[in-house]
Amino acid sequence: MVTVAGRLHNVRESGPKLKFYDLHGDGTKIQIIATEQDAKGSKTYAEQNEILHRGDIVGVKGRPGRTKRGQLSIFAAEITLLSPCLHTLPKAYYGLKDQVIIICHIPKRIF
């Protein structure tokens, strides 16, 4: 069992019981495979995966393995949302035009 954390950059579905996530962290990318049969923990598969969106920071516990195509992946037993993404990430094709916006943007709090 391994535990990793990072930002979700891509979310793909292959039916109601299988999801693929691309997790980026520390300059590396790894694929996360979430299936209903592998889901464990206090939350069900639907509860773990319905709240996840592109840009969220998540923690994943699971077993490492290879897909049928030979790609190194983690088969997720438990996915935990650590921090939601409040602003939409730009698409990789268009890139980030003004990097200062992301670094310096601090939301105002209303008291």
PDB file of N, CA and C in Angstrom:
ATOM      1  N   MET A   1       0.851  -1.178   0.000  1.00  0.00           N
ATOM      2  CA  MET A   1       0.000   0.000   0.000  1.00  0.00           C
ATOM      3  C   MET A   1       0.893   1.236   0.000  1.00  0.00           C
ATOM      4  N   VAL A   2       0.587   2.188  -0.885  1.00  0.00           N
ATOM      5  CA  VAL A   2       1.327   3.441  -0.969  1.00  0.00           C
ATOM      6  C   VAL A   2       0.369   4.607  -0.761  1.00  0.00           C
ATOM      7  N   THR A   3       0.927   5.746  -0.367  1.00  0.00           N
ATOM      8  CA  THR A   3       0.147   6.966  -0.190  1.00  0.00           C
ATOM      9  C   THR A   3       0.836   8.087  -0.946  1.00  0.00           C
ATOM     10  N   VAL A   4       0.098   8.787  -1.796  1.00  0.00           N
ATOM     11  CA  VAL A   4       0.628   9.919  -2.556  1.00  0.00           C
ATOM     12  C   VAL A   4      -0.349  11.080  -2.479  1.00  0.00           C
ATOM     13  N   ALA A   5       0.150  12.268  -2.766  1.00  0.00           N
ATOM     14  CA  ALA A   5      -0.701  13.458  -2.797  1.00  0.00           C
ATOM     15  C   ALA A   5      -0.277  14.325  -3.967  1.00  0.00           C
ATOM     16  N   GLY A   6      -1.209  15.069  -4.518  1.00  0.00           N
ATOM     17  CA  GLY A   6      -0.905  15.965  -5.626  1.00  0.00           C
ATOM     18  C   GLY A   6      -2.158  16.628  -6.154  1.00  0.00           C
ATOM     19  N   ARG A   7      -1.984  17.346  -7.260  1.00  0.00           N
ATOM     20  CA  ARG A   7      -3.085  18.081  -7.886  1.00  0.00           C
ATOM     21  C   ARG A   7      -3.631  17.290  -9.071  1.00  0.00           C
ATOM     22  N   LEU A   8      -4.956  17.204  -9.156  1.00  0.00           N
ATOM     23  CA  LEU A   8      -5.602  16.520 -10.279  1.00  0.00           C
ATOM     24  C   LEU A   8      -5.560  17.422 -11.513  1.00  0.00           C
ATOM     25  N   HIS A   9      -4.958  16.928 -12.581  1.00  0.00           N
ATOM     26  CA  HIS A   9      -4.887  17.715 -13.808  1.00  0.00           C
ATOM     27  C   HIS A   9      -5.830  17.211 -14.881  1.00  0.00           C
ATOM     28  N   ASN A  10      -6.258  15.968 -14.774  1.00  0.00           N
ATOM     29  CA  ASN A  10      -7.151  15.425 -15.788  1.00  0.00           C
ATOM     30  C   ASN A  10      -8.050  14.388 -15.132  1.00  0.00           C
ATOM     31  N   VAL A  11      -9.323  14.417 -15.457  1.00  0.00           N
ATOM     32  CA  VAL A  11     -10.293  13.455 -14.927  1.00  0.00           C
ATOM     33  C   VAL A  11     -11.022  12.835 -16.110  1.00  0.00           C
ATOM     34  N   ARG A  12     -10.983  11.500 -16.200  1.00  0.00           N
ATOM     35  CA  ARG A  12     -11.659  10.792 -17.288  1.00  0.00           C
ATOM     36  C   ARG A  12     -12.543   9.706 -16.694  1.00  0.00           C
ATOM     37  N   GLU A  13     -13.686   9.483 -17.315  1.00  0.00           N
ATOM     38  CA  GLU A  13     -14.597   8.425 -16.878  1.00  0.00           C
ATOM     39  C   GLU A  13     -14.692   7.358 -17.953  1.00  0.00           C
ATOM     40  N   SER A  14     -14.831   6.121 -17.493  1.00  0.00           N
ATOM     41  CA  SER A  14     -15.072   5.012 -18.402  1.00  0.00           C
ATOM     42  C   SER A  14     -16.232   4.210 -17.824  1.00  0.00           C
ATOM     43  N   GLY A  15     -17.390   4.820 -17.829  1.00  0.00           N
ATOM     44  CA  GLY A  15     -18.566   4.194 -17.239  1.00  0.00           C
ATOM     45  C   GLY A  15     -18.784   4.680 -15.821  1.00  0.00           C
ATOM     46  N   PRO A  16     -19.852   4.207 -15.183  1.00  0.00           N
ATOM     47  CA  PRO A  16     -20.192   4.689 -13.842  1.00  0.00           C
ATOM     48  C   PRO A  16     -19.317   4.117 -12.725  1.00  0.00           C
ATOM     49  N   LYS A  17     -18.525   3.080 -12.999  1.00  0.00           N
ATOM     50  CA  LYS A  17     -17.762   2.425 -11.940  1.00  0.00           C
ATOM     51  C   LYS A  17     -16.252   2.485 -12.138  1.00  0.00           C
ATOM     52  N   LEU A  18     -15.779   3.328 -13.061  1.00  0.00           N
ATOM     53  CA  LEU A  18     -14.348   3.415 -13.339  1.00  0.00           C
ATOM     54  C   LEU A  18     -13.971   4.839 -13.715  1.00  0.00           C
ATOM     55  N   LYS A  19     -12.982   5.403 -12.996  1.00  0.00           N
ATOM     56  CA  LYS A  19     -12.483   6.747 -13.283  1.00  0.00           C
ATOM     57  C   LYS A  19     -10.968   6.728 -13.309  1.00  0.00           C
ATOM     58  N   PHE A  20     -10.411   7.581 -14.174  1.00  0.00           N
ATOM     59  CA  PHE A  20      -8.973   7.748 -14.288  1.00  0.00           C
ATOM     60  C   PHE A  20      -8.633   9.187 -13.928  1.00  0.00           C
ATOM     61  N   TYR A  21      -7.590   9.375 -13.134  1.00  0.00           N
ATOM     62  CA  TYR A  21      -7.120  10.702 -12.752  1.00  0.00           C
ATOM     63  C   TYR A  21      -5.638  10.803 -13.083  1.00  0.00           C
ATOM     64  N   ASP A  22      -5.198  11.971 -13.564  1.00  0.00           N
ATOM     65  CA  ASP A  22      -3.784  12.259 -13.710  1.00  0.00           C
ATOM     66  C   ASP A  22      -3.390  13.135 -12.534  1.00  0.00           C
ATOM     67  N   LEU A  23      -2.495  12.637 -11.705  1.00  0.00           N
ATOM     68  CA  LEU A  23      -2.080  13.325 -10.490  1.00  0.00           C
ATOM     69  C   LEU A  23      -0.678  13.885 -10.701  1.00  0.00           C
ATOM     70  N   HIS A  24      -0.519  15.195 -10.522  1.00  0.00           N
ATOM     71  CA  HIS A  24       0.779  15.849 -10.688  1.00  0.00           C
ATOM     72  C   HIS A  24       1.275  16.322  -9.330  1.00  0.00           C
ATOM     73  N   GLY A  25       2.564  16.103  -9.074  1.00  0.00           N
ATOM     74  CA  GLY A  25       3.175  16.575  -7.847  1.00  0.00           C
ATOM     75  C   GLY A  25       4.684  16.421  -7.915  1.00  0.00           C
ATOM     76  N   ASP A  26       5.406  17.423  -7.451  1.00  0.00           N
ATOM     77  CA  ASP A  26       6.875  17.424  -7.452  1.00  0.00           C
ATOM     78  C   ASP A  26       7.444  17.184  -8.845  1.00  0.00           C
ATOM     79  N   GLY A  27       6.802  17.714  -9.867  1.00  0.00           N
ATOM     80  CA  GLY A  27       7.295  17.602 -11.226  1.00  0.00           C
ATOM     81  C   GLY A  27       7.065  16.255 -11.893  1.00  0.00           C
ATOM     82  N   THR A  28       6.304  15.380 -11.276  1.00  0.00           N
ATOM     83  CA  THR A  28       6.022  14.076 -11.864  1.00  0.00           C
ATOM     84  C   THR A  28       4.528  13.888 -12.040  1.00  0.00           C
ATOM     85  N   LYS A  29       4.181  12.927 -12.894  1.00  0.00           N
ATOM     86  CA  LYS A  29       2.770  12.614 -13.147  1.00  0.00           C
ATOM     87  C   LYS A  29       2.569  11.125 -12.947  1.00  0.00           C
ATOM     88  N   ILE A  30       1.462  10.779 -12.307  1.00  0.00           N
ATOM     89  CA  ILE A  30       1.104   9.376 -12.146  1.00  0.00           C
ATOM     90  C   ILE A  30      -0.386   9.235 -12.373  1.00  0.00           C
ATOM     91  N   GLN A  31      -0.773   8.106 -12.937  1.00  0.00           N
ATOM     92  CA  GLN A  31      -2.186   7.847 -13.209  1.00  0.00           C
ATOM     93  C   GLN A  31      -2.812   7.141 -12.008  1.00  0.00           C
ATOM     94  N   ILE A  32      -3.990   7.602 -11.628  1.00  0.00           N
ATOM     95  CA  ILE A  32      -4.757   6.981 -10.554  1.00  0.00           C
ATOM     96  C   ILE A  32      -5.965   6.313 -11.179  1.00  0.00           C
ATOM     97  N   ILE A  33      -6.194   5.045 -10.844  1.00  0.00           N
ATOM     98  CA  ILE A  33      -7.352   4.313 -11.344  1.00  0.00           C
ATOM     99  C   ILE A  33      -8.268   4.044 -10.158  1.00  0.00           C
ATOM    100  N   ALA A  34      -9.489   4.560 -10.226  1.00  0.00           N
ATOM    101  CA  ALA A  34     -10.466   4.373  -9.154  1.00  0.00           C
ATOM    102  C   ALA A  34     -11.605   3.499  -9.667  1.00  0.00           C
ATOM    103  N   THR A  35     -11.751   2.327  -9.065  1.00  0.00           N
ATOM    104  CA  THR A  35     -12.847   1.430  -9.430  1.00  0.00           C
ATOM    105  C   THR A  35     -13.715   1.177  -8.211  1.00  0.00           C
ATOM    106  N   GLU A  36     -14.947   0.822  -8.465  1.00  0.00           N
ATOM    107  CA  GLU A  36     -15.879   0.577  -7.363  1.00  0.00           C
ATOM    108  C   GLU A  36     -15.454  -0.622  -6.530  1.00  0.00           C
ATOM    109  N   GLN A  37     -14.896  -1.636  -7.153  1.00  0.00           N
ATOM    110  CA  GLN A  37     -14.524  -2.852  -6.417  1.00  0.00           C
ATOM    111  C   GLN A  37     -13.302  -2.644  -5.523  1.00  0.00           C
ATOM    112  N   ASP A  38     -12.426  -1.673  -5.848  1.00  0.00           N
ATOM    113  CA  ASP A  38     -11.240  -1.415  -5.030  1.00  0.00           C
ATOM    114  C   ASP A  38     -11.492  -0.421  -3.901  1.00  0.00           C
ATOM    115  N   ALA A  39     -12.607   0.294  -3.927  1.00  0.00           N
ATOM    116  CA  ALA A  39     -12.891   1.344  -2.947  1.00  0.00           C
ATOM    117  C   ALA A  39     -13.072   0.753  -1.553  1.00  0.00           C
ATOM    118  N   LYS A  40     -12.345   1.327  -0.606  1.00  0.00           N
ATOM    119  CA  LYS A  40     -12.432   0.912   0.797  1.00  0.00           C
ATOM    120  C   LYS A  40     -12.495   2.154   1.657  1.00  0.00           C
ATOM    121  N   GLY A  41     -12.634   1.966   2.946  1.00  0.00           N
ATOM    122  CA  GLY A  41     -12.674   3.095   3.852  1.00  0.00           C
ATOM    123  C   GLY A  41     -14.091   3.388   4.309  1.00  0.00           C
ATOM    124  N   SER A  42     -14.246   4.532   4.972  1.00  0.00           N
ATOM    125  CA  SER A  42     -15.546   4.883   5.543  1.00  0.00           C
ATOM    126  C   SER A  42     -16.525   5.400   4.482  1.00  0.00           C
ATOM    127  N   LYS A  43     -16.000   5.891   3.344  1.00  0.00           N
ATOM    128  CA  LYS A  43     -16.864   6.421   2.289  1.00  0.00           C
ATOM    129  C   LYS A  43     -16.967   5.427   1.137  1.00  0.00           C
ATOM    130  N   THR A  44     -18.106   5.457   0.469  1.00  0.00           N
ATOM    131  CA  THR A  44     -18.301   4.585  -0.689  1.00  0.00           C
ATOM    132  C   THR A  44     -17.579   5.174  -1.901  1.00  0.00           C
ATOM    133  N   TYR A  45     -17.541   4.408  -2.983  1.00  0.00           N
ATOM    134  CA  TYR A  45     -16.903   4.856  -4.226  1.00  0.00           C
ATOM    135  C   TYR A  45     -17.528   6.157  -4.721  1.00  0.00           C
ATOM    136  N   ALA A  46     -18.847   6.232  -4.717  1.00  0.00           N
ATOM    137  CA  ALA A  46     -19.540   7.427  -5.208  1.00  0.00           C
ATOM    138  C   ALA A  46     -19.233   8.643  -4.330  1.00  0.00           C
ATOM    139  N   GLU A  47     -19.214   8.466  -3.021  1.00  0.00           N
ATOM    140  CA  GLU A  47     -18.927   9.582  -2.110  1.00  0.00           C
ATOM    141  C   GLU A  47     -17.501  10.096  -2.284  1.00  0.00           C
ATOM    142  N   GLN A  48     -16.558   9.194  -2.543  1.00  0.00           N
ATOM    143  CA  GLN A  48     -15.163   9.596  -2.717  1.00  0.00           C
ATOM    144  C   GLN A  48     -14.949  10.351  -4.024  1.00  0.00           C
ATOM    145  N   ASN A  49     -15.622   9.935  -5.090  1.00  0.00           N
ATOM    146  CA  ASN A  49     -15.305  10.452  -6.417  1.00  0.00           C
ATOM    147  C   ASN A  49     -16.237  11.530  -6.939  1.00  0.00           C
ATOM    148  N   GLU A  50     -17.416  11.697  -6.363  1.00  0.00           N
ATOM    149  CA  GLU A  50     -18.346  12.697  -6.903  1.00  0.00           C
ATOM    150  C   GLU A  50     -17.923  14.123  -6.577  1.00  0.00           C
ATOM    151  N   ILE A  51     -17.114  14.326  -5.549  1.00  0.00           N
ATOM    152  CA  ILE A  51     -16.721  15.672  -5.149  1.00  0.00           C
ATOM    153  C   ILE A  51     -15.395  16.119  -5.760  1.00  0.00           C
ATOM    154  N   LEU A  52     -14.711  15.244  -6.500  1.00  0.00           N
ATOM    155  CA  LEU A  52     -13.404  15.574  -7.051  1.00  0.00           C
ATOM    156  C   LEU A  52     -13.532  16.257  -8.407  1.00  0.00           C
ATOM    157  N   HIS A  53     -12.744  17.327  -8.590  1.00  0.00           N
ATOM    158  CA  HIS A  53     -12.751  18.089  -9.832  1.00  0.00           C
ATOM    159  C   HIS A  53     -11.318  18.398 -10.239  1.00  0.00           C
ATOM    160  N   ARG A  54     -11.169  18.813 -11.474  1.00  0.00           N
ATOM    161  CA  ARG A  54      -9.852  19.184 -11.993  1.00  0.00           C
ATOM    162  C   ARG A  54      -9.289  20.347 -11.191  1.00  0.00           C
ATOM    163  N   GLY A  55      -8.041  20.208 -10.730  1.00  0.00           N
ATOM    164  CA  GLY A  55      -7.391  21.256  -9.952  1.00  0.00           C
ATOM    165  C   GLY A  55      -7.379  20.996  -8.461  1.00  0.00           C
ATOM    166  N   ASP A  56      -8.197  20.086  -7.968  1.00  0.00           N
ATOM    167  CA  ASP A  56      -8.234  19.778  -6.538  1.00  0.00           C
ATOM    168  C   ASP A  56      -6.937  19.091  -6.099  1.00  0.00           C
ATOM    169  N   ILE A  57      -6.564  19.310  -4.861  1.00  0.00           N
ATOM    170  CA  ILE A  57      -5.422  18.610  -4.281  1.00  0.00           C
ATOM    171  C   ILE A  57      -5.982  17.455  -3.467  1.00  0.00           C
ATOM    172  N   VAL A  58      -5.507  16.241  -3.760  1.00  0.00           N
ATOM    173  CA  VAL A  58      -6.048  15.039  -3.142  1.00  0.00           C
ATOM    174  C   VAL A  58      -4.921  14.168  -2.581  1.00  0.00           C
ATOM    175  N   GLY A  59      -5.298  13.314  -1.642  1.00  0.00           N
ATOM    176  CA  GLY A  59      -4.428  12.272  -1.129  1.00  0.00           C
ATOM    177  C   GLY A  59      -4.999  10.930  -1.560  1.00  0.00           C
ATOM    178  N   VAL A  60      -4.136  10.022  -2.001  1.00  0.00           N
ATOM    179  CA  VAL A  60      -4.577   8.726  -2.518  1.00  0.00           C
ATOM    180  C   VAL A  60      -3.833   7.610  -1.813  1.00  0.00           C
ATOM    181  N   LYS A  61      -4.579   6.625  -1.319  1.00  0.00           N
ATOM    182  CA  LYS A  61      -4.001   5.403  -0.770  1.00  0.00           C
ATOM    183  C   LYS A  61      -4.397   4.269  -1.700  1.00  0.00           C
ATOM    184  N   GLY A  62      -3.444   3.435  -2.041  1.00  0.00           N
ATOM    185  CA  GLY A  62      -3.750   2.328  -2.937  1.00  0.00           C
ATOM    186  C   GLY A  62      -2.529   1.471  -3.200  1.00  0.00           C
ATOM    187  N   ARG A  63      -2.710   0.533  -4.109  1.00  0.00           N
ATOM    188  CA  ARG A  63      -1.597  -0.361  -4.437  1.00  0.00           C
ATOM    189  C   ARG A  63      -1.063  -0.006  -5.824  1.00  0.00           C
ATOM    190  N   PRO A  64       0.258  -0.006  -5.977  1.00  0.00           N
ATOM    191  CA  PRO A  64       0.829   0.277  -7.288  1.00  0.00           C
ATOM    192  C   PRO A  64       0.676  -0.920  -8.213  1.00  0.00           C
ATOM    193  N   GLY A  65       0.610  -0.659  -9.492  1.00  0.00           N
ATOM    194  CA  GLY A  65       0.485  -1.724 -10.473  1.00  0.00           C
ATOM    195  C   GLY A  65       0.604  -1.168 -11.875  1.00  0.00           C
ATOM    196  N   ARG A  66       0.384  -2.023 -12.839  1.00  0.00           N
ATOM    197  CA  ARG A  66       0.455  -1.621 -14.245  1.00  0.00           C
ATOM    198  C   ARG A  66      -0.886  -1.896 -14.916  1.00  0.00           C
ATOM    199  N   THR A  67      -1.230  -1.034 -15.853  1.00  0.00           N
ATOM    200  CA  THR A  67      -2.452  -1.226 -16.622  1.00  0.00           C
ATOM    201  C   THR A  67      -2.206  -2.281 -17.696  1.00  0.00           C
ATOM    202  N   LYS A  68      -3.229  -2.591 -18.461  1.00  0.00           N
ATOM    203  CA  LYS A  68      -3.082  -3.557 -19.551  1.00  0.00           C
ATOM    204  C   LYS A  68      -2.094  -3.069 -20.607  1.00  0.00           C
ATOM    205  N   ARG A  69      -1.949  -1.763 -20.729  1.00  0.00           N
ATOM    206  CA  ARG A  69      -0.999  -1.183 -21.682  1.00  0.00           C
ATOM    207  C   ARG A  69       0.398  -1.033 -21.083  1.00  0.00           C
ATOM    208  N   GLY A  70       0.579  -1.353 -19.809  1.00  0.00           N
ATOM    209  CA  GLY A  70       1.890  -1.299 -19.176  1.00  0.00           C
ATOM    210  C   GLY A  70       2.227   0.005 -18.497  1.00  0.00           C
ATOM    211  N   GLN A  71       1.261   0.917 -18.363  1.00  0.00           N
ATOM    212  CA  GLN A  71       1.520   2.203 -17.708  1.00  0.00           C
ATOM    213  C   GLN A  71       1.482   2.038 -16.195  1.00  0.00           C
ATOM    214  N   LEU A  72       2.490   2.593 -15.516  1.00  0.00           N
ATOM    215  CA  LEU A  72       2.536   2.541 -14.062  1.00  0.00           C
ATOM    216  C   LEU A  72       1.394   3.371 -13.479  1.00  0.00           C
ATOM    217  N   SER A  73       0.616   2.779 -12.584  1.00  0.00           N
ATOM    218  CA  SER A  73      -0.568   3.437 -12.022  1.00  0.00           C
ATOM    219  C   SER A  73      -0.731   3.052 -10.564  1.00  0.00           C
ATOM    220  N   ILE A  74      -1.609   3.772  -9.892  1.00  0.00           N
ATOM    221  CA  ILE A  74      -2.008   3.417  -8.530  1.00  0.00           C
ATOM    222  C   ILE A  74      -3.487   3.070  -8.578  1.00  0.00           C
ATOM    223  N   PHE A  75      -3.820   1.880  -8.089  1.00  0.00           N
ATOM    224  CA  PHE A  75      -5.212   1.441  -8.007  1.00  0.00           C
ATOM    225  C   PHE A  75      -5.733   1.896  -6.648  1.00  0.00           C
ATOM    226  N   ALA A  76      -6.559   2.936  -6.658  1.00  0.00           N
ATOM    227  CA  ALA A  76      -6.961   3.646  -5.447  1.00  0.00           C
ATOM    228  C   ALA A  76      -7.918   2.837  -4.589  1.00  0.00           C
ATOM    229  N   ALA A  77      -7.582   2.729  -3.303  1.00  0.00           N
ATOM    230  CA  ALA A  77      -8.488   2.150  -2.324  1.00  0.00           C
ATOM    231  C   ALA A  77      -9.253   3.267  -1.613  1.00  0.00           C
ATOM    232  N   GLU A  78      -8.591   4.420  -1.460  1.00  0.00           N
ATOM    233  CA  GLU A  78      -9.216   5.549  -0.768  1.00  0.00           C
ATOM    234  C   GLU A  78      -8.666   6.852  -1.340  1.00  0.00           C
ATOM    235  N   ILE A  79      -9.559   7.771  -1.682  1.00  0.00           N
ATOM    236  CA  ILE A  79      -9.180   9.092  -2.183  1.00  0.00           C
ATOM    237  C   ILE A  79      -9.778  10.129  -1.244  1.00  0.00           C
ATOM    238  N   THR A  80      -8.926  11.044  -0.768  1.00  0.00           N
ATOM    239  CA  THR A  80      -9.352  12.065   0.177  1.00  0.00           C
ATOM    240  C   THR A  80      -9.111  13.447  -0.423  1.00  0.00           C
ATOM    241  N   LEU A  81     -10.127  14.286  -0.409  1.00  0.00           N
ATOM    242  CA  LEU A  81      -9.987  15.664  -0.874  1.00  0.00           C
ATOM    243  C   LEU A  81      -9.252  16.453   0.211  1.00  0.00           C
ATOM    244  N   LEU A  82      -8.073  16.966  -0.109  1.00  0.00           N
ATOM    245  CA  LEU A  82      -7.295  17.740   0.853  1.00  0.00           C
ATOM    246  C   LEU A  82      -7.576  19.234   0.736  1.00  0.00           C
ATOM    247  N   SER A  83      -7.728  19.709  -0.509  1.00  0.00           N
ATOM    248  CA  SER A  83      -7.996  21.121  -0.728  1.00  0.00           C
ATOM    249  C   SER A  83      -8.716  21.294  -2.064  1.00  0.00           C
ATOM    250  N   PRO A  84      -9.903  21.865  -2.064  1.00  0.00           N
ATOM    251  CA  PRO A  84     -10.607  22.065  -3.338  1.00  0.00           C
ATOM    252  C   PRO A  84      -9.989  23.217  -4.125  1.00  0.00           C
ATOM    253  N   CYS A  85     -10.105  23.156  -5.429  1.00  0.00           N
ATOM    254  CA  CYS A  85      -9.638  24.229  -6.307  1.00  0.00           C
ATOM    255  C   CYS A  85     -10.800  25.211  -6.483  1.00  0.00           C
ATOM    256  N   LEU A  86     -10.615  26.451  -6.061  1.00  0.00           N
ATOM    257  CA  LEU A  86     -11.684  27.435  -6.124  1.00  0.00           C
ATOM    258  C   LEU A  86     -11.715  28.182  -7.452  1.00  0.00           C
ATOM    259  N   HIS A  87     -10.611  28.145  -8.195  1.00  0.00           N
ATOM    260  CA  HIS A  87     -10.538  28.794  -9.504  1.00  0.00           C
ATOM    261  C   HIS A  87     -10.182  27.736 -10.541  1.00  0.00           C
ATOM    262  N   THR A  88     -10.798  27.815 -11.695  1.00  0.00           N
ATOM    263  CA  THR A  88     -10.561  26.841 -12.746  1.00  0.00           C
ATOM    264  C   THR A  88      -9.131  26.954 -13.270  1.00  0.00           C
ATOM    265  N   LEU A  89      -8.454  25.818 -13.416  1.00  0.00           N
ATOM    266  CA  LEU A  89      -7.118  25.803 -13.983  1.00  0.00           C
ATOM    267  C   LEU A  89      -7.203  26.035 -15.482  1.00  0.00           C
ATOM    268  N   PRO A  90      -6.222  26.721 -16.066  1.00  0.00           N
ATOM    269  CA  PRO A  90      -6.229  26.883 -17.518  1.00  0.00           C
ATOM    270  C   PRO A  90      -5.917  25.550 -18.189  1.00  0.00           C
ATOM    271  N   LYS A  91      -6.421  25.350 -19.378  1.00  0.00           N
ATOM    272  CA  LYS A  91      -6.145  24.132 -20.135  1.00  0.00           C
ATOM    273  C   LYS A  91      -4.666  24.099 -20.520  1.00  0.00           C
ATOM    274  N   ALA A  92      -4.105  22.924 -20.635  1.00  0.00           N
ATOM    275  CA  ALA A  92      -2.693  22.780 -20.980  1.00  0.00           C
ATOM    276  C   ALA A  92      -2.397  23.349 -22.367  1.00  0.00           C
ATOM    277  N   TYR A  93      -3.365  23.285 -23.263  1.00  0.00           N
ATOM    278  CA  TYR A  93      -3.164  23.773 -24.620  1.00  0.00           C
ATOM    279  C   TYR A  93      -2.939  25.288 -24.648  1.00  0.00           C
ATOM    280  N   TYR A  94      -3.716  26.026 -23.855  1.00  0.00           N
ATOM    281  CA  TYR A  94      -3.628  27.481 -23.864  1.00  0.00           C
ATOM    282  C   TYR A  94      -2.558  28.010 -22.922  1.00  0.00           C
ATOM    283  N   GLY A  95      -2.271  27.282 -21.863  1.00  0.00           N
ATOM    284  CA  GLY A  95      -1.244  27.706 -20.921  1.00  0.00           C
ATOM    285  C   GLY A  95      -1.714  28.803 -19.996  1.00  0.00           C
ATOM    286  N   LEU A  96      -0.819  29.220 -19.149  1.00  0.00           N
ATOM    287  CA  LEU A  96      -1.095  30.270 -18.179  1.00  0.00           C
ATOM    288  C   LEU A  96      -0.440  31.548 -18.658  1.00  0.00           C
ATOM    289  N   LYS A  97      -1.235  32.535 -19.024  1.00  0.00           N
ATOM    290  CA  LYS A  97      -0.711  33.762 -19.611  1.00  0.00           C
ATOM    291  C   LYS A  97      -0.082  34.670 -18.551  1.00  0.00           C
ATOM    292  N   ASP A  98      -0.745  34.877 -17.428  1.00  0.00           N
ATOM    293  CA  ASP A  98      -0.249  35.773 -16.395  1.00  0.00           C
ATOM    294  C   ASP A  98      -0.081  34.988 -15.097  1.00  0.00           C
ATOM    295  N   GLN A  99       1.140  34.536 -14.810  1.00  0.00           N
ATOM    296  CA  GLN A  99       1.388  33.694 -13.648  1.00  0.00           C
ATOM    297  C   GLN A  99       1.264  34.451 -12.331  1.00  0.00           C
ATOM    298  N   VAL A 100       1.354  35.773 -12.380  1.00  0.00           N
ATOM    299  CA  VAL A 100       1.230  36.573 -11.169  1.00  0.00           C
ATOM    300  C   VAL A 100      -0.170  36.468 -10.579  1.00  0.00           C
ATOM    301  N   ILE A 101      -1.182  36.265 -11.415  1.00  0.00           N
ATOM    302  CA  ILE A 101      -2.566  36.159 -10.949  1.00  0.00           C
ATOM    303  C   ILE A 101      -2.706  34.990  -9.979  1.00  0.00           C
ATOM    304  N   ILE A 102      -2.145  33.840 -10.325  1.00  0.00           N
ATOM    305  CA  ILE A 102      -2.263  32.644  -9.480  1.00  0.00           C
ATOM    306  C   ILE A 102      -1.475  32.816  -8.194  1.00  0.00           C
ATOM    307  N   ILE A 103      -0.285  33.376  -8.274  1.00  0.00           N
ATOM    308  CA  ILE A 103       0.583  33.487  -7.107  1.00  0.00           C
ATOM    309  C   ILE A 103       0.063  34.535  -6.124  1.00  0.00           C
ATOM    310  N   CYS A 104      -0.392  35.673  -6.631  1.00  0.00           N
ATOM    311  CA  CYS A 104      -0.733  36.804  -5.759  1.00  0.00           C
ATOM    312  C   CYS A 104      -2.203  36.902  -5.403  1.00  0.00           C
ATOM    313  N   HIS A 105      -3.048  36.042  -5.927  1.00  0.00           N
ATOM    314  CA  HIS A 105      -4.467  36.175  -5.662  1.00  0.00           C
ATOM    315  C   HIS A 105      -4.795  35.624  -4.268  1.00  0.00           C
ATOM    316  N   ILE A 106      -5.265  36.496  -3.414  1.00  0.00           N
ATOM    317  CA  ILE A 106      -5.695  36.113  -2.081  1.00  0.00           C
ATOM    318  C   ILE A 106      -7.159  36.508  -1.959  1.00  0.00           C
ATOM    319  N   PRO A 107      -8.060  35.549  -1.739  1.00  0.00           N
ATOM    320  CA  PRO A 107      -9.477  35.901  -1.671  1.00  0.00           C
ATOM    321  C   PRO A 107      -9.774  36.782  -0.456  1.00  0.00           C
ATOM    322  N   LYS A 108     -10.701  37.710  -0.622  1.00  0.00           N
ATOM    323  CA  LYS A 108     -11.105  38.597   0.463  1.00  0.00           C
ATOM    324  C   LYS A 108     -12.089  37.855   1.373  1.00  0.00           C
ATOM    325  N   ARG A 109     -11.918  38.041   2.647  1.00  0.00           N
ATOM    326  CA  ARG A 109     -12.831  37.428   3.609  1.00  0.00           C
ATOM    327  C   ARG A 109     -13.827  38.487   4.082  1.00  0.00           C
ATOM    328  N   ILE A 110     -15.044  38.062   4.245  1.00  0.00           N
ATOM    329  CA  ILE A 110     -16.086  38.960   4.733  1.00  0.00           C
ATOM    330  C   ILE A 110     -16.383  38.580   6.171  1.00  0.00           C
ATOM    331  N   PHE A 111     -16.241  39.536   7.069  1.00  0.00           N
ATOM    332  CA  PHE A 111     -16.479  39.285   8.493  1.00  0.00           C
ATOM    333  C   PHE A 111     -17.763  39.932   8.930  1.00  0.00           C
TER     334      PHE A 111
END
